[in-house]
């Protein structure tokens, strides 16, 4: 069976709350090759792990992150929302895929990349999001490893690929077909897919030859890899 990079989506969210230290550690203990985390900035420009714009869904606090200091976030969540620096320390030695959700300006991107550098994690961190955000990442770090998230079966324009210079093309798993996989590989890119959570969907992607799968069920994916 095709060997695929197993990426844990926000850690192990079926076992622990997503984007928490416990979730990340659990995913790595289950055999993940990398963990995917979502990073946003607080009011005082501290990168923390949160996918949503507010604390409501996960922490039952209807407060937008941009309005809160990092200390307020810590108090409201009893320390449950880690900083990026804490997450990088907890995953020391492992690959980390940073997803940058929402509209992220270049100054915010630069702050996030500064923290990655301060933590000495440049060699194990890579980035995913749509073209505008990945253009900002490329401008801030010419050597960054990028997985360009693409939400259409139509290929990215040549000008976008030339500007972003991704290593990976990152597609929603339902868009991946044999023809798409062949095209991506023929053009010299690695193919990643997100986020299948059934074994049937994972097997289909493995059969199509994808290079990476990001899933909420990292245990199931790692079990499939063992055959």
Foldseek 3Di string as FASTA:
>chain_A
DFDAQEEEEQAQCVVPPGVFLVRNVNLVVLPHQEYEFEWDAALVLFIWTDDDQACCPPQNDGDGRNDDDPVRVCVSRVNGIGTPLVNCVSQPPGAYEYEYDDDDDLVSLLSVVVSCVVSVNQVRYAYEDAQVVLLSNCVNPVPGAYAHEDEDLDDDDPVSCVRNVHQEHEYALVSDDLVSCVVCVVVRHAYEYDEDEDLVSLVVVVVSPHHYYYYSCSNSNVVVSVD
